[in-house]
Amino acid sequence: MTTDPSAELRAVLAAYDLGELSSTVRDERGTVNTSFFIDTLRDGRRQRYFLRRYKRGIRHEEIVFEHALIHHLTACGTCPVARVHPTREGTTVVQREDAFYAVFDYLPGEDRYTWVGPRCSRRELRASGRLLAQFHSDMATFTPPGQRAEPKIVELLKVIDSAWSDCLARSTDTVFDRCVAAHFDTVQESIRETAEVLQRAARSLPEVIIHSDYHPGNLKFEGQQISGLVDFDWAKVDLRAFDVGLAAWYYCASWEARADGRLRLGDTRAFLEGYQQRLLRSAEIAPLSAAELDVLPHLIQAGNLYVLYWSLRDYLGKPVDPLEYLIYLRHSVAFAHWFNRPANRQQLEKLLRGIPRPGRPE
């Protein structure tokens, strides 16, 4: 992208019947795609939209999958999502050279958190759990076109294991590389233990279209209410309980210095209670089963390893700052150490035994 993207954005906007571009602001929060808040003027009326330039390498069928999912959610009307706008030709994707673009409604509300260091209130945690449950329920009635080109978590753990070993083999002795070397055995053991547990358990666990990036930074808030759910470009078919475990890690693994990596168990309980209580009422899918809750500790660890893989992939494939990525690496390593302590795992298992589930009064 050029320093001033106006010419490129005008060229994209020309494919739509949304008016002329009047102003644009880069969304600095995005880490994967390049996005802008744009204002247009049409018949004297100003309107704001969200314009995304998708990351290089994404496949057209992945975007088709994402946009069909959004259409389904907006038709359901139960999750606060932004519509994706059609072009004059009726498609929702604009391609210029090797880049893809899309235009979405602008969602009102406050960007209160990012994925790093969120500390939500218990009310926000329960509301977030309820919304994830609603998303899963809505997805149960949707048959998507296309798919996301990423393996399911059980298969992906093998890829994560290889990436972890590759990072050590390609060390250039940065602070990031030295941290990998210092904790290599612990994390490798975590990857392999998690893969072994899930390989046995996954066959009996239900799958659904999961969000795969459900964290507080992908929500917008108005007061204590959630006013927006965004970023579906990581969505895919996978274990429903993996999405819950990944979200629990995002929301509840502390980033505070002395407690970095520690799972806040009270927050975890609040999030899971919100999820279960929504589905204990009528919904298209059942709440988390006893089998899902039994394996959930390892799915929370899988969520940690999934985000670690994102850090490794960026570190190995992009010119990133080792000091910045050291923060993410240390967070994942700290959680792996926390999870490997028997007393911590026992506390988490005890908490999960008390979570509302089908066939038992709350």
Protein backbone atom coordinates (compact mmCIF):
# COMPACT_ATOMS: atom_id res chain seq x y z
CA MET A 1 0.00 0.00 0.00
CA THR A 2 1.16 3.56 -0.68
CA THR A 3 1.45 6.18 2.07
CA ASP A 4 -1.75 7.78 0.78
CA PRO A 5 -4.16 4.95 -0.13
CA SER A 6 -6.90 7.25 -1.45
CA ALA A 7 -6.37 6.43 -5.13
CA GLU A 8 -6.50 2.70 -4.50
CA LEU A 9 -9.58 2.98 -2.28
CA ARG A 10 -11.39 5.13 -4.84
CA ALA A 11 -10.68 2.50 -7.47
CA VAL A 12 -12.17 -0.19 -5.23
CA LEU A 13 -15.15 1.96 -4.29
CA ALA A 14 -15.91 2.53 -7.97
CA ALA A 15 -17.19 -1.06 -8.09
CA TYR A 16 -19.95 -0.15 -5.60
CA ASP A 17 -22.94 2.15 -5.60
CA LEU A 18 -22.03 3.69 -2.24
CA GLY A 19 -21.04 7.22 -3.25
CA GLU A 20 -17.76 9.05 -3.55
CA LEU A 21 -14.89 8.69 -1.09
CA SER A 22 -14.65 11.75 1.14
CA SER A 23 -12.25 10.63 3.89
CA THR A 24 -10.38 7.59 5.12
CA VAL A 25 -8.65 6.48 8.32
CA ARG A 26 -6.42 3.41 8.58
CA ASP A 27 -7.53 0.85 11.17
CA GLU A 28 -4.32 0.48 13.18
CA ARG A 29 -5.65 -2.42 15.23
CA GLY A 30 -5.55 -4.93 12.39
CA THR A 31 -2.60 -7.34 12.39
CA VAL A 32 -3.43 -9.62 9.46
CA ASN A 33 -5.50 -7.69 6.91
CA THR A 34 -5.22 -4.01 5.98
CA SER A 35 -8.44 -2.14 6.76
CA PHE A 36 -9.84 1.37 6.64
CA PHE A 37 -12.77 3.31 8.01
CA ILE A 38 -14.07 5.21 5.01
CA ASP A 39 -16.65 8.00 4.71
CA THR A 40 -18.57 8.39 1.49
CA LEU A 41 -20.82 11.14 0.17
CA ARG A 42 -23.89 10.19 -1.85
CA ASP A 43 -26.73 12.58 -2.71
CA GLY A 44 -25.48 14.96 -0.03
CA ARG A 45 -25.55 12.26 2.66
CA ARG A 46 -22.43 11.08 4.46
CA GLN A 47 -22.10 7.39 5.36
CA ARG A 48 -19.32 5.41 7.07
CA TYR A 49 -18.16 1.94 6.02
CA PHE A 50 -15.35 -0.49 6.79
CA LEU A 51 -13.17 -1.44 3.82
CA ARG A 52 -10.81 -4.40 4.03
CA ARG A 53 -7.84 -5.31 1.87
CA TYR A 54 -7.32 -9.01 2.52
CA LYS A 55 -3.91 -10.45 3.35
CA ARG A 56 -1.84 -11.70 0.46
CA GLY A 57 -2.15 -15.40 -0.19
CA ILE A 58 -5.79 -15.76 0.83
CA ARG A 59 -7.83 -17.88 -1.56
CA HIS A 60 -10.98 -16.62 -3.23
CA GLU A 61 -12.97 -19.59 -1.92
CA GLU A 62 -11.99 -18.66 1.64
CA ILE A 63 -13.51 -15.21 1.17
CA VAL A 64 -16.63 -16.73 -0.40
CA PHE A 65 -16.94 -18.93 2.70
CA GLU A 66 -16.56 -15.93 5.04
CA HIS A 67 -19.07 -13.76 3.18
CA ALA A 68 -21.66 -16.53 2.97
CA LEU A 69 -21.28 -17.00 6.72
CA ILE A 70 -21.88 -13.28 7.28
CA HIS A 71 -24.96 -13.33 5.03
CA HIS A 72 -26.34 -16.22 7.09
CA LEU A 73 -25.69 -14.41 10.39
CA THR A 74 -27.31 -11.19 9.22
CA ALA A 75 -30.34 -13.19 8.03
CA CYS A 76 -30.59 -14.87 11.45
CA GLY A 77 -30.49 -11.45 13.12
CA THR A 78 -29.28 -12.76 16.49
CA CYS A 79 -25.57 -11.83 16.37
CA PRO A 80 -24.54 -8.16 15.96
CA VAL A 81 -22.55 -8.44 12.73
CA ALA A 82 -21.82 -6.01 9.91
CA ARG A 83 -23.33 -6.67 6.49
CA VAL A 84 -20.95 -7.22 3.60
CA HIS A 85 -22.00 -5.04 0.67
CA PRO A 86 -22.52 -6.27 -2.90
CA THR A 87 -20.85 -4.58 -5.83
CA ARG A 88 -22.81 -3.29 -8.81
CA GLU A 89 -22.23 -6.71 -10.40
CA GLY A 90 -23.67 -8.55 -7.40
CA THR A 91 -20.49 -10.07 -6.02
CA THR A 92 -19.12 -9.17 -2.58
CA VAL A 93 -15.45 -9.33 -3.56
CA VAL A 94 -13.41 -6.87 -5.61
CA GLN A 95 -10.15 -8.08 -7.09
CA ARG A 96 -7.44 -5.71 -8.27
CA GLU A 97 -4.28 -7.39 -9.54
CA ASP A 98 -3.45 -9.95 -6.82
CA ALA A 99 -5.43 -8.31 -3.99
CA PHE A 100 -9.01 -8.86 -2.77
CA TYR A 101 -11.22 -6.24 -1.14
CA ALA A 102 -14.63 -6.07 0.54
CA VAL A 103 -16.80 -3.34 2.05
CA PHE A 104 -18.78 -3.83 5.26
CA ASP A 105 -21.18 -1.77 7.33
CA TYR A 106 -19.56 0.26 10.08
CA LEU A 107 -20.57 -1.08 13.48
CA PRO A 108 -21.17 1.43 16.29
CA GLY A 109 -19.61 1.01 19.69
CA GLU A 110 -16.31 1.12 21.51
CA ASP A 111 -13.22 -0.91 20.66
CA ARG A 112 -12.59 -1.52 24.34
CA TYR A 113 -9.96 -4.25 24.19
CA THR A 114 -7.33 -5.89 22.01
CA TRP A 115 -6.32 -9.54 22.16
CA VAL A 116 -3.34 -8.58 24.34
CA GLY A 117 -4.02 -8.07 28.04
CA PRO A 118 -7.84 -7.91 28.13
CA ARG A 119 -9.43 -7.80 31.58
CA CYS A 120 -13.18 -7.98 31.08
CA SER A 121 -15.77 -7.53 33.80
CA ARG A 122 -17.70 -10.61 34.89
CA ARG A 123 -20.75 -9.19 33.16
CA GLU A 124 -18.81 -8.79 29.91
CA LEU A 125 -17.44 -12.32 30.28
CA ARG A 126 -20.90 -13.84 30.65
CA ALA A 127 -22.22 -11.77 27.74
CA SER A 128 -19.27 -12.88 25.60
CA GLY A 129 -19.92 -16.52 26.47
CA ARG A 130 -23.59 -16.14 25.54
CA LEU A 131 -22.71 -14.53 22.21
CA LEU A 132 -20.26 -17.30 21.28
CA ALA A 133 -22.98 -19.85 22.09
CA GLN A 134 -25.43 -17.93 19.87
CA PHE A 135 -22.88 -17.87 17.06
CA HIS A 136 -22.42 -21.65 17.30
CA SER A 137 -26.18 -22.16 17.39
CA ASP A 138 -26.66 -20.01 14.26
CA MET A 139 -23.88 -21.89 12.45
CA ALA A 140 -25.65 -25.21 13.05
CA THR A 141 -28.24 -24.29 10.40
CA PHE A 142 -25.73 -23.17 7.77
CA THR A 143 -24.17 -25.19 4.96
CA PRO A 144 -21.31 -23.13 3.58
CA PRO A 145 -19.87 -22.82 0.09
CA GLY A 146 -16.08 -22.93 0.02
CA GLN A 147 -13.88 -23.48 3.02
CA ARG A 148 -10.93 -22.07 4.90
CA ALA A 149 -7.60 -23.57 3.90
CA GLU A 150 -6.36 -24.56 7.34
CA PRO A 151 -6.30 -28.03 8.93
CA LYS A 152 -8.47 -28.80 11.93
CA ILE A 153 -6.77 -28.48 15.30
CA VAL A 154 -5.98 -32.20 15.65
CA GLU A 155 -4.05 -32.18 12.35
CA LEU A 156 -2.70 -28.67 12.90
CA LEU A 157 -0.90 -29.72 16.09
CA LYS A 158 1.48 -31.76 13.92
CA VAL A 159 2.22 -28.62 11.91
CA ILE A 160 2.74 -26.65 15.13
CA ASP A 161 5.20 -29.30 16.35
CA SER A 162 7.19 -28.93 13.11
CA ALA A 163 7.14 -25.12 13.30
CA TRP A 164 8.42 -25.22 16.89
CA SER A 165 11.31 -27.50 15.88
CA ASP A 166 11.98 -25.37 12.79
CA CYS A 167 12.26 -22.25 14.92
CA LEU A 168 15.02 -23.85 16.98
CA ALA A 169 16.81 -25.15 13.88
CA ARG A 170 16.75 -21.72 12.21
CA SER A 171 17.92 -19.80 15.27
CA THR A 172 19.88 -16.60 14.67
CA ASP A 173 20.40 -16.08 18.42
CA THR A 174 17.89 -13.25 18.86
CA VAL A 175 16.12 -12.79 22.19
CA PHE A 176 13.17 -14.66 20.66
CA ASP A 177 15.39 -17.56 19.58
CA ARG A 178 17.02 -17.77 23.00
CA CYS A 179 13.61 -17.98 24.65
CA VAL A 180 12.62 -20.79 22.29
CA ALA A 181 15.80 -22.70 23.18
CA ALA A 182 15.32 -22.19 26.92
CA HIS A 183 11.77 -23.58 26.90
CA PHE A 184 11.94 -25.91 23.92
CA ASP A 185 11.43 -29.20 25.74
CA THR A 186 8.53 -27.94 27.87
CA VAL A 187 6.58 -26.60 24.90
CA GLN A 188 7.35 -29.61 22.71
CA GLU A 189 6.05 -31.90 25.45
CA SER A 190 2.91 -29.75 25.71
CA ILE A 191 2.30 -29.96 21.96
CA ARG A 192 2.71 -33.72 21.89
CA GLU A 193 0.64 -34.39 25.02
CA THR A 194 -2.17 -32.19 23.67
CA ALA A 195 -2.06 -33.93 20.29
CA GLU A 196 -2.20 -37.36 21.93
CA VAL A 197 -5.20 -36.47 24.10
CA LEU A 198 -7.14 -34.86 21.26
CA GLN A 199 -6.35 -37.66 18.83
CA ARG A 200 -8.19 -40.02 21.18
CA ALA A 201 -11.03 -37.68 22.16
CA ALA A 202 -11.82 -35.76 18.97
CA ARG A 203 -13.66 -38.55 17.19
CA SER A 204 -16.55 -38.33 19.66
CA LEU A 205 -16.76 -34.53 19.89
CA PRO A 206 -19.16 -32.43 17.77
CA GLU A 207 -17.98 -30.09 15.04
CA VAL A 208 -19.51 -26.82 13.89
CA ILE A 209 -18.32 -23.74 12.03
CA ILE A 210 -16.16 -22.00 14.64
CA HIS A 211 -15.08 -18.36 14.79
CA SER A 212 -11.46 -19.40 15.49
CA ASP A 213 -10.44 -15.90 16.65
CA TYR A 214 -13.03 -15.08 19.32
CA HIS A 215 -11.38 -12.62 21.69
CA PRO A 216 -12.40 -9.28 23.26
CA GLY A 217 -10.59 -7.33 20.54
CA ASN A 218 -13.07 -8.69 18.00
CA LEU A 219 -16.05 -7.32 19.92
CA LYS A 220 -17.45 -3.80 20.14
CA PHE A 221 -19.25 -2.54 23.23
CA GLU A 222 -21.88 0.04 24.09
CA GLY A 223 -21.93 0.24 27.87
CA GLN A 224 -22.09 -3.33 29.13
CA GLN A 225 -23.76 -4.55 25.92
CA ILE A 226 -21.92 -6.14 23.00
CA SER A 227 -22.73 -4.09 19.89
CA GLY A 228 -20.54 -5.86 17.34
CA LEU A 229 -18.86 -9.16 16.49
CA VAL A 230 -16.24 -8.92 13.72
CA ASP A 231 -13.44 -10.71 11.86
CA PHE A 232 -14.73 -13.99 10.48
CA ASP A 233 -11.85 -14.61 8.09
CA TRP A 234 -10.38 -17.29 10.39
CA ALA A 235 -13.70 -19.18 10.64
CA LYS A 236 -13.64 -22.86 9.69
CA VAL A 237 -15.23 -26.21 10.50
CA ASP A 238 -13.64 -27.70 13.61
CA LEU A 239 -14.38 -28.96 17.11
CA ARG A 240 -16.98 -26.72 18.78
CA ALA A 241 -15.23 -27.15 22.14
CA PHE A 242 -11.92 -25.99 20.62
CA ASP A 243 -13.51 -22.62 19.85
CA VAL A 244 -14.66 -22.42 23.47
CA GLY A 245 -11.22 -23.42 24.77
CA LEU A 246 -9.43 -20.91 22.53
CA ALA A 247 -11.82 -18.16 23.64
CA ALA A 248 -11.34 -19.06 27.31
CA TRP A 249 -7.57 -18.74 26.83
CA TYR A 250 -7.90 -15.38 25.07
CA TYR A 251 -10.22 -13.97 27.73
CA CYS A 252 -8.83 -15.49 30.89
CA ALA A 253 -5.07 -16.11 30.59
CA SER A 254 -3.48 -13.26 32.53
CA TRP A 255 -0.91 -10.94 30.94
CA GLU A 256 0.02 -9.27 34.23
CA ALA A 257 3.76 -9.45 34.94
CA ARG A 258 3.90 -11.78 37.94
CA ALA A 259 0.81 -13.69 36.89
CA ASP A 260 1.60 -13.91 33.17
CA GLY A 261 0.12 -17.10 31.75
CA ARG A 262 -1.99 -17.93 34.80
CA LEU A 263 -5.57 -18.81 33.93
CA ARG A 264 -7.98 -16.67 35.96
CA LEU A 265 -10.34 -19.41 37.11
CA GLY A 266 -13.15 -17.13 38.30
CA ASP A 267 -13.21 -15.42 34.90
CA THR A 268 -13.14 -18.81 33.18
CA ARG A 269 -16.17 -19.90 35.19
CA ALA A 270 -18.09 -16.73 34.28
CA PHE A 271 -17.38 -17.13 30.55
CA LEU A 272 -18.34 -20.82 30.49
CA GLU A 273 -21.47 -20.24 32.57
CA GLY A 274 -22.60 -17.64 30.04
CA TYR A 275 -21.98 -20.10 27.21
CA GLN A 276 -23.80 -22.99 28.85
CA GLN A 277 -26.73 -20.97 30.14
CA ARG A 278 -27.48 -19.66 26.64
CA LEU A 279 -27.64 -23.20 25.23
CA LEU A 280 -29.52 -24.70 28.18
CA ARG A 281 -32.39 -22.61 26.81
CA SER A 282 -33.76 -23.62 23.43
CA ALA A 283 -31.12 -23.52 20.70
CA GLU A 284 -30.08 -25.39 17.57
CA ILE A 285 -27.27 -27.17 19.46
CA ALA A 286 -26.85 -28.63 22.93
CA PRO A 287 -24.61 -27.13 25.62
CA LEU A 288 -21.12 -28.48 26.10
CA SER A 289 -21.42 -32.15 27.01
CA ALA A 290 -19.65 -33.96 29.82
CA ALA A 291 -17.20 -35.36 27.24
CA GLU A 292 -16.43 -31.86 25.90
CA LEU A 293 -15.98 -30.43 29.40
CA ASP A 294 -13.68 -33.33 30.34
CA VAL A 295 -11.32 -32.56 27.47
CA LEU A 296 -11.70 -28.76 27.68
CA PRO A 297 -8.48 -28.23 29.71
CA HIS A 298 -6.49 -29.70 26.83
CA LEU A 299 -8.48 -27.62 24.34
CA ILE A 300 -7.57 -24.48 26.29
CA GLN A 301 -3.95 -25.58 26.01
CA ALA A 302 -4.57 -26.24 22.29
CA GLY A 303 -5.81 -22.64 22.01
CA ASN A 304 -2.59 -21.44 23.60
CA LEU A 305 -0.53 -23.49 21.13
CA TYR A 306 -2.67 -22.27 18.23
CA VAL A 307 -1.79 -18.65 19.04
CA LEU A 308 1.84 -19.63 19.61
CA TYR A 309 1.82 -21.02 16.07
CA TRP A 310 0.59 -17.66 14.76
CA SER A 311 3.59 -16.02 16.47
CA LEU A 312 6.03 -18.60 15.10
CA ARG A 313 4.65 -18.34 11.58
CA ASP A 314 5.01 -14.56 11.59
CA TYR A 315 8.46 -14.71 13.15
CA LEU A 316 9.75 -17.23 10.64
CA GLY A 317 8.06 -15.71 7.59
CA LYS A 318 8.02 -11.94 8.08
CA PRO A 319 10.49 -9.19 9.03
CA VAL A 320 9.06 -8.74 12.55
CA ASP A 321 10.59 -7.23 15.68
CA PRO A 322 11.94 -10.06 17.88
CA LEU A 323 11.33 -7.97 21.01
CA GLU A 324 7.65 -7.50 20.17
CA TYR A 325 7.16 -11.18 19.39
CA LEU A 326 9.09 -12.16 22.51
CA ILE A 327 6.12 -10.81 24.51
CA TYR A 328 3.72 -13.16 22.72
CA LEU A 329 6.14 -16.09 23.00
CA ARG A 330 6.68 -15.60 26.72
CA HIS A 331 2.92 -15.44 27.29
CA SER A 332 2.36 -18.78 25.56
CA VAL A 333 5.34 -20.37 27.30
CA ALA A 334 4.14 -19.09 30.68
CA PHE A 335 0.71 -20.66 30.13
CA ALA A 336 2.30 -23.97 29.12
CA HIS A 337 4.28 -23.97 32.38
CA TRP A 338 1.15 -23.05 34.39
CA PHE A 339 -0.88 -25.80 32.75
CA ASN A 340 1.80 -28.43 33.33
CA ARG A 341 1.64 -28.01 37.11
CA PRO A 342 -0.66 -30.77 38.47
CA ALA A 343 -2.21 -28.54 41.14
CA ASN A 344 -3.29 -25.96 38.54
CA ARG A 345 -4.76 -28.58 36.25
CA GLN A 346 -6.65 -30.15 39.18
CA GLN A 347 -8.14 -26.75 40.07
CA LEU A 348 -9.27 -26.27 36.47
CA GLU A 349 -10.78 -29.75 36.33
CA LYS A 350 -12.62 -29.10 39.61
CA LEU A 351 -14.01 -25.84 38.22
CA LEU A 352 -15.27 -27.60 35.09
CA ARG A 353 -17.07 -30.24 37.13
CA GLY A 354 -19.19 -27.42 38.57
CA ILE A 355 -20.16 -25.88 35.21
CA PRO A 356 -23.88 -26.28 34.30
CA ARG A 357 -24.40 -29.11 31.84
CA PRO A 358 -27.32 -31.01 30.33
CA GLY A 359 -29.30 -33.19 32.73
CA ARG A 360 -28.10 -31.43 35.87
CA PRO A 361 -29.72 -28.47 37.64
CA GLU A 362 -27.76 -25.24 37.60
